[in-house]
Amino acid sequence: MRLTAYTDYTLRTLMHLAMHQDRLVTIQEIAELHDISKNHLTKVVHQLGMSDLVTTIRGRSGGLKLNKTPKEI
């Protein structure tokens, strides 16, 4: 099965968030870890936030976290 880059980035983001549920994760952190464009990842995270899978917190000390447990997703 072939995945689009968008789907690949979405899955990588969700897996990273599932592994780090104890803290907020930044887009920059995920982009550097997986060598993904920060702009592309921002679009992915925005869509995840709109679908209510991810909670986004803006600001200097902001970040991302899963809205549900990994088992529920």
PDB file of N, CA and C in Angstrom:
ATOM      1  N   MET A   1       0.840  -1.168   0.000  1.00  0.00           N
ATOM      2  CA  MET A   1       0.000   0.000   0.000  1.00  0.00           C
ATOM      3  C   MET A   1       0.891   1.239   0.000  1.00  0.00           C
ATOM      4  N   ARG A   2       0.543   2.202  -0.821  1.00  0.00           N
ATOM      5  CA  ARG A   2       1.278   3.456  -0.875  1.00  0.00           C
ATOM      6  C   ARG A   2       0.533   4.521  -0.087  1.00  0.00           C
ATOM      7  N   LEU A   3       1.283   5.267   0.696  1.00  0.00           N
ATOM      8  CA  LEU A   3       0.704   6.370   1.448  1.00  0.00           C
ATOM      9  C   LEU A   3       1.160   7.679   0.831  1.00  0.00           C
ATOM     10  N   THR A   4       0.309   8.666   0.893  1.00  0.00           N
ATOM     11  CA  THR A   4       0.734   9.997   0.462  1.00  0.00           C
ATOM     12  C   THR A   4       1.655  10.562   1.532  1.00  0.00           C
ATOM     13  N   ALA A   5       2.411  11.573   1.174  1.00  0.00           N
ATOM     14  CA  ALA A   5       3.300  12.219   2.144  1.00  0.00           C
ATOM     15  C   ALA A   5       2.478  12.788   3.301  1.00  0.00           C
ATOM     16  N   TYR A   6       1.315  13.337   2.983  1.00  0.00           N
ATOM     17  CA  TYR A   6       0.442  13.924   3.999  1.00  0.00           C
ATOM     18  C   TYR A   6       0.017  12.871   5.024  1.00  0.00           C
ATOM     19  N   THR A   7      -0.379  11.699   4.551  1.00  0.00           N
ATOM     20  CA  THR A   7      -0.783  10.608   5.440  1.00  0.00           C
ATOM     21  C   THR A   7       0.393  10.114   6.262  1.00  0.00           C
ATOM     22  N   ASP A   8       1.556  10.022   5.635  1.00  0.00           N
ATOM     23  CA  ASP A   8       2.760   9.600   6.335  1.00  0.00           C
ATOM     24  C   ASP A   8       3.088  10.559   7.474  1.00  0.00           C
ATOM     25  N   TYR A   9       3.022  11.858   7.194  1.00  0.00           N
ATOM     26  CA  TYR A   9       3.306  12.858   8.231  1.00  0.00           C
ATOM     27  C   TYR A   9       2.273  12.799   9.347  1.00  0.00           C
ATOM     28  N   THR A  10       1.028  12.545   8.993  1.00  0.00           N
ATOM     29  CA  THR A  10      -0.032  12.439   9.996  1.00  0.00           C
ATOM     30  C   THR A  10       0.226  11.260  10.934  1.00  0.00           C
ATOM     31  N   LEU A  11       0.552  10.115  10.364  1.00  0.00           N
ATOM     32  CA  LEU A  11       0.822   8.932  11.183  1.00  0.00           C
ATOM     33  C   LEU A  11       2.052   9.128  12.062  1.00  0.00           C
ATOM     34  N   ARG A  12       3.098   9.707  11.502  1.00  0.00           N
ATOM     35  CA  ARG A  12       4.310   9.955  12.291  1.00  0.00           C
ATOM     36  C   ARG A  12       4.026  10.893  13.463  1.00  0.00           C
ATOM     37  N   THR A  13       3.216  11.918  13.196  1.00  0.00           N
ATOM     38  CA  THR A  13       2.861  12.869  14.249  1.00  0.00           C
ATOM     39  C   THR A  13       2.065  12.185  15.353  1.00  0.00           C
ATOM     40  N   LEU A  14       1.066  11.417  14.975  1.00  0.00           N
ATOM     41  CA  LEU A  14       0.244  10.724  15.972  1.00  0.00           C
ATOM     42  C   LEU A  14       1.079   9.724  16.784  1.00  0.00           C
ATOM     43  N   MET A  15       1.976   9.004  16.131  1.00  0.00           N
ATOM     44  CA  MET A  15       2.820   8.042  16.851  1.00  0.00           C
ATOM     45  C   MET A  15       3.747   8.754  17.827  1.00  0.00           C
ATOM     46  N   HIS A  16       4.312   9.883  17.399  1.00  0.00           N
ATOM     47  CA  HIS A  16       5.215  10.626  18.288  1.00  0.00           C
ATOM     48  C   HIS A  16       4.443  11.168  19.499  1.00  0.00           C
ATOM     49  N   LEU A  17       3.255  11.675  19.261  1.00  0.00           N
ATOM     50  CA  LEU A  17       2.441  12.184  20.369  1.00  0.00           C
ATOM     51  C   LEU A  17       2.034  11.062  21.315  1.00  0.00           C
ATOM     52  N   ALA A  18       1.768   9.888  20.775  1.00  0.00           N
ATOM     53  CA  ALA A  18       1.394   8.747  21.620  1.00  0.00           C
ATOM     54  C   ALA A  18       2.567   8.312  22.494  1.00  0.00           C
ATOM     55  N   MET A  19       3.773   8.443  21.984  1.00  0.00           N
ATOM     56  CA  MET A  19       4.956   8.045  22.755  1.00  0.00           C
ATOM     57  C   MET A  19       5.308   9.065  23.833  1.00  0.00           C
ATOM     58  N   HIS A  20       4.836  10.303  23.687  1.00  0.00           N
ATOM     59  CA  HIS A  20       5.176  11.375  24.634  1.00  0.00           C
ATOM     60  C   HIS A  20       3.920  12.007  25.211  1.00  0.00           C
ATOM     61  N   GLN A  21       3.066  11.199  25.799  1.00  0.00           N
ATOM     62  CA  GLN A  21       1.809  11.705  26.351  1.00  0.00           C
ATOM     63  C   GLN A  21       2.002  12.518  27.622  1.00  0.00           C
ATOM     64  N   ASP A  22       3.153  12.384  28.240  1.00  0.00           N
ATOM     65  CA  ASP A  22       3.391  13.037  29.521  1.00  0.00           C
ATOM     66  C   ASP A  22       3.785  14.509  29.402  1.00  0.00           C
ATOM     67  N   ARG A  23       3.952  15.001  28.169  1.00  0.00           N
ATOM     68  CA  ARG A  23       4.382  16.391  27.986  1.00  0.00           C
ATOM     69  C   ARG A  23       3.846  16.940  26.669  1.00  0.00           C
ATOM     70  N   LEU A  24       3.978  18.254  26.505  1.00  0.00           N
ATOM     71  CA  LEU A  24       3.615  18.887  25.238  1.00  0.00           C
ATOM     72  C   LEU A  24       4.756  18.710  24.242  1.00  0.00           C
ATOM     73  N   VAL A  25       4.416  18.466  23.012  1.00  0.00           N
ATOM     74  CA  VAL A  25       5.395  18.267  21.942  1.00  0.00           C
ATOM     75  C   VAL A  25       5.239  19.408  20.950  1.00  0.00           C
ATOM     76  N   THR A  26       6.349  19.947  20.446  1.00  0.00           N
ATOM     77  CA  THR A  26       6.275  21.048  19.494  1.00  0.00           C
ATOM     78  C   THR A  26       6.358  20.533  18.058  1.00  0.00           C
ATOM     79  N   ILE A  27       5.845  21.335  17.151  1.00  0.00           N
ATOM     80  CA  ILE A  27       5.937  21.008  15.728  1.00  0.00           C
ATOM     81  C   ILE A  27       7.398  20.964  15.306  1.00  0.00           C
ATOM     82  N   GLN A  28       8.184  21.880  15.834  1.00  0.00           N
ATOM     83  CA  GLN A  28       9.612  21.937  15.506  1.00  0.00           C
ATOM     84  C   GLN A  28      10.308  20.635  15.889  1.00  0.00           C
ATOM     85  N   GLU A  29       9.985  20.108  17.038  1.00  0.00           N
ATOM     86  CA  GLU A  29      10.577  18.855  17.508  1.00  0.00           C
ATOM     87  C   GLU A  29      10.285  17.695  16.550  1.00  0.00           C
ATOM     88  N   ILE A  30       9.037  17.576  16.137  1.00  0.00           N
ATOM     89  CA  ILE A  30       8.651  16.495  15.229  1.00  0.00           C
ATOM     90  C   ILE A  30       9.288  16.702  13.856  1.00  0.00           C
ATOM     91  N   ALA A  31       9.310  17.941  13.386  1.00  0.00           N
ATOM     92  CA  ALA A  31       9.890  18.246  12.076  1.00  0.00           C
ATOM     93  C   ALA A  31      11.372  17.888  12.035  1.00  0.00           C
ATOM     94  N   GLU A  32      12.101  18.216  13.085  1.00  0.00           N
ATOM     95  CA  GLU A  32      13.531  17.901  13.128  1.00  0.00           C
ATOM     96  C   GLU A  32      13.771  16.406  13.259  1.00  0.00           C
ATOM     97  N   LEU A  33      12.973  15.743  14.057  1.00  0.00           N
ATOM     98  CA  LEU A  33      13.150  14.311  14.279  1.00  0.00           C
ATOM     99  C   LEU A  33      12.954  13.503  12.998  1.00  0.00           C
ATOM    100  N   HIS A  34      11.943  13.862  12.214  1.00  0.00           N
ATOM    101  CA  HIS A  34      11.605  13.095  11.014  1.00  0.00           C
ATOM    102  C   HIS A  34      12.064  13.775   9.726  1.00  0.00           C
ATOM    103  N   ASP A  35      12.795  14.886   9.848  1.00  0.00           N
ATOM    104  CA  ASP A  35      13.294  15.631   8.692  1.00  0.00           C
ATOM    105  C   ASP A  35      12.158  16.002   7.741  1.00  0.00           C
ATOM    106  N   ILE A  36      11.151  16.651   8.315  1.00  0.00           N
ATOM    107  CA  ILE A  36       9.960  17.079   7.587  1.00  0.00           C
ATOM    108  C   ILE A  36       9.933  18.606   7.588  1.00  0.00           C
ATOM    109  N   SER A  37       9.426  19.180   6.513  1.00  0.00           N
ATOM    110  CA  SER A  37       9.267  20.622   6.445  1.00  0.00           C
ATOM    111  C   SER A  37       8.295  21.085   7.536  1.00  0.00           C
ATOM    112  N   LYS A  38       8.692  22.101   8.269  1.00  0.00           N
ATOM    113  CA  LYS A  38       7.844  22.617   9.346  1.00  0.00           C
ATOM    114  C   LYS A  38       6.525  23.163   8.793  1.00  0.00           C
ATOM    115  N   ASN A  39       6.566  23.759   7.613  1.00  0.00           N
ATOM    116  CA  ASN A  39       5.347  24.299   7.000  1.00  0.00           C
ATOM    117  C   ASN A  39       4.368  23.186   6.648  1.00  0.00           C
ATOM    118  N   HIS A  40       4.868  22.087   6.093  1.00  0.00           N
ATOM    119  CA  HIS A  40       3.987  20.965   5.769  1.00  0.00           C
ATOM    120  C   HIS A  40       3.386  20.373   7.044  1.00  0.00           C
ATOM    121  N   LEU A  41       4.215  20.234   8.063  1.00  0.00           N
ATOM    122  CA  LEU A  41       3.754  19.650   9.315  1.00  0.00           C
ATOM    123  C   LEU A  41       2.719  20.544   9.995  1.00  0.00           C
ATOM    124  N   THR A  42       2.849  21.840   9.837  1.00  0.00           N
ATOM    125  CA  THR A  42       1.868  22.768  10.402  1.00  0.00           C
ATOM    126  C   THR A  42       0.485  22.524   9.804  1.00  0.00           C
ATOM    127  N   LYS A  43       0.426  22.261   8.513  1.00  0.00           N
ATOM    128  CA  LYS A  43      -0.854  21.955   7.854  1.00  0.00           C
ATOM    129  C   LYS A  43      -1.449  20.652   8.379  1.00  0.00           C
ATOM    130  N   VAL A  44      -0.592  19.670   8.596  1.00  0.00           N
ATOM    131  CA  VAL A  44      -1.043  18.376   9.126  1.00  0.00           C
ATOM    132  C   VAL A  44      -1.609  18.565  10.528  1.00  0.00           C
ATOM    133  N   VAL A  45      -0.889  19.285  11.366  1.00  0.00           N
ATOM    134  CA  VAL A  45      -1.315  19.497  12.751  1.00  0.00           C
ATOM    135  C   VAL A  45      -2.607  20.306  12.800  1.00  0.00           C
ATOM    136  N   HIS A  46      -2.736  21.268  11.915  1.00  0.00           N
ATOM    137  CA  HIS A  46      -3.970  22.053  11.872  1.00  0.00           C
ATOM    138  C   HIS A  46      -5.167  21.139  11.583  1.00  0.00           C
ATOM    139  N   GLN A  47      -5.012  20.245  10.623  1.00  0.00           N
ATOM    140  CA  GLN A  47      -6.098  19.318  10.278  1.00  0.00           C
ATOM    141  C   GLN A  47      -6.401  18.365  11.431  1.00  0.00           C
ATOM    142  N   LEU A  48      -5.355  17.891  12.121  1.00  0.00           N
ATOM    143  CA  LEU A  48      -5.563  17.017  13.281  1.00  0.00           C
ATOM    144  C   LEU A  48      -6.308  17.761  14.386  1.00  0.00           C
ATOM    145  N   GLY A  49      -5.998  19.030  14.554  1.00  0.00           N
ATOM    146  CA  GLY A  49      -6.703  19.838  15.545  1.00  0.00           C
ATOM    147  C   GLY A  49      -8.163  20.038  15.181  1.00  0.00           C
ATOM    148  N   MET A  50      -8.427  20.238  13.894  1.00  0.00           N
ATOM    149  CA  MET A  50      -9.804  20.415  13.437  1.00  0.00           C
ATOM    150  C   MET A  50     -10.615  19.131  13.588  1.00  0.00           C
ATOM    151  N   SER A  51      -9.958  17.979  13.466  1.00  0.00           N
ATOM    152  CA  SER A  51     -10.661  16.700  13.598  1.00  0.00           C
ATOM    153  C   SER A  51     -10.780  16.262  15.058  1.00  0.00           C
ATOM    154  N   ASP A  52     -10.285  17.080  15.975  1.00  0.00           N
ATOM    155  CA  ASP A  52     -10.382  16.848  17.414  1.00  0.00           C
ATOM    156  C   ASP A  52      -9.569  15.642  17.904  1.00  0.00           C
ATOM    157  N   LEU A  53      -8.558  15.244  17.155  1.00  0.00           N
ATOM    158  CA  LEU A  53      -7.663  14.179  17.617  1.00  0.00           C
ATOM    159  C   LEU A  53      -6.524  14.743  18.464  1.00  0.00           C
ATOM    160  N   VAL A  54      -6.184  15.993  18.207  1.00  0.00           N
ATOM    161  CA  VAL A  54      -5.050  16.634  18.865  1.00  0.00           C
ATOM    162  C   VAL A  54      -5.498  17.956  19.468  1.00  0.00           C
ATOM    163  N   THR A  55      -5.004  18.244  20.648  1.00  0.00           N
ATOM    164  CA  THR A  55      -5.221  19.540  21.266  1.00  0.00           C
ATOM    165  C   THR A  55      -3.989  20.387  21.005  1.00  0.00           C
ATOM    166  N   THR A  56      -4.200  21.588  20.476  1.00  0.00           N
ATOM    167  CA  THR A  56      -3.076  22.485  20.210  1.00  0.00           C
ATOM    168  C   THR A  56      -3.125  23.638  21.189  1.00  0.00           C
ATOM    169  N   ILE A  57      -1.976  23.968  21.725  1.00  0.00           N
ATOM    170  CA  ILE A  57      -1.865  25.066  22.681  1.00  0.00           C
ATOM    171  C   ILE A  57      -0.886  26.071  22.092  1.00  0.00           C
ATOM    172  N   ARG A  58      -1.363  27.270  21.880  1.00  0.00           N
ATOM    173  CA  ARG A  58      -0.544  28.302  21.251  1.00  0.00           C
ATOM    174  C   ARG A  58       0.319  29.006  22.268  1.00  0.00           C
ATOM    175  N   GLY A  59       1.314  29.699  21.771  1.00  0.00           N
ATOM    176  CA  GLY A  59       2.145  30.521  22.626  1.00  0.00           C
ATOM    177  C   GLY A  59       3.534  29.958  22.822  1.00  0.00           C
ATOM    178  N   ARG A  60       4.306  30.675  23.590  1.00  0.00           N
ATOM    179  CA  ARG A  60       5.712  30.322  23.803  1.00  0.00           C
ATOM    180  C   ARG A  60       5.882  28.965  24.457  1.00  0.00           C
ATOM    181  N   SER A  61       5.072  28.644  25.415  1.00  0.00           N
ATOM    182  CA  SER A  61       5.186  27.351  26.098  1.00  0.00           C
ATOM    183  C   SER A  61       4.122  26.374  25.601  1.00  0.00           C
ATOM    184  N   GLY A  62       3.631  26.583  24.388  1.00  0.00           N
ATOM    185  CA  GLY A  62       2.589  25.741  23.827  1.00  0.00           C
ATOM    186  C   GLY A  62       3.134  24.483  23.176  1.00  0.00           C
ATOM    187  N   GLY A  63       2.242  23.752  22.564  1.00  0.00           N
ATOM    188  CA  GLY A  63       2.620  22.519  21.889  1.00  0.00           C
ATOM    189  C   GLY A  63       1.385  21.709  21.548  1.00  0.00           C
ATOM    190  N   LEU A  64       1.601  20.419  21.377  1.00  0.00           N
ATOM    191  CA  LEU A  64       0.540  19.502  20.983  1.00  0.00           C
ATOM    192  C   LEU A  64       0.432  18.371  21.977  1.00  0.00           C
ATOM    193  N   LYS A  65      -0.756  17.832  22.087  1.00  0.00           N
ATOM    194  CA  LYS A  65      -0.952  16.604  22.851  1.00  0.00           C
ATOM    195  C   LYS A  65      -2.178  15.897  22.290  1.00  0.00           C
ATOM    196  N   LEU A  66      -2.227  14.599  22.480  1.00  0.00           N
ATOM    197  CA  LEU A  66      -3.363  13.820  22.006  1.00  0.00           C
ATOM    198  C   LEU A  66      -4.595  14.173  22.814  1.00  0.00           C
ATOM    199  N   ASN A  67      -5.714  14.214  22.156  1.00  0.00           N
ATOM    200  CA  ASN A  67      -6.979  14.508  22.817  1.00  0.00           C
ATOM    201  C   ASN A  67      -7.624  13.237  23.374  1.00  0.00           C
ATOM    202  N   LYS A  68      -7.186  12.094  22.844  1.00  0.00           N
ATOM    203  CA  LYS A  68      -7.708  10.788  23.255  1.00  0.00           C
ATOM    204  C   LYS A  68      -6.538   9.885  23.563  1.00  0.00           C
ATOM    205  N   THR A  69      -6.804   8.770  24.190  1.00  0.00           N
ATOM    206  CA  THR A  69      -5.750   7.799  24.403  1.00  0.00           C
ATOM    207  C   THR A  69      -5.427   7.118  23.073  1.00  0.00           C
ATOM    208  N   PRO A  70      -4.206   6.645  22.907  1.00  0.00           N
ATOM    209  CA  PRO A  70      -3.851   5.969  21.646  1.00  0.00           C
ATOM    210  C   PRO A  70      -4.776   4.784  21.330  1.00  0.00           C
ATOM    211  N   LYS A  71      -5.247   4.112  22.361  1.00  0.00           N
ATOM    212  CA  LYS A  71      -6.136   2.966  22.161  1.00  0.00           C
ATOM    213  C   LYS A  71      -7.465   3.409  21.542  1.00  0.00           C
ATOM    214  N   GLU A  72      -7.959   4.583  21.920  1.00  0.00           N
ATOM    215  CA  GLU A  72      -9.220   5.111  21.388  1.00  0.00           C
ATOM    216  C   GLU A  72      -9.090   5.541  19.923  1.00  0.00           C
ATOM    217  N   ILE A  73      -7.899   5.960  19.552  1.00  0.00           N
ATOM    218  CA  ILE A  73      -7.678   6.405  18.170  1.00  0.00           C
ATOM    219  C   ILE A  73      -7.558   5.203  17.279  1.00  0.00           C
TER     220      ILE A  73
END
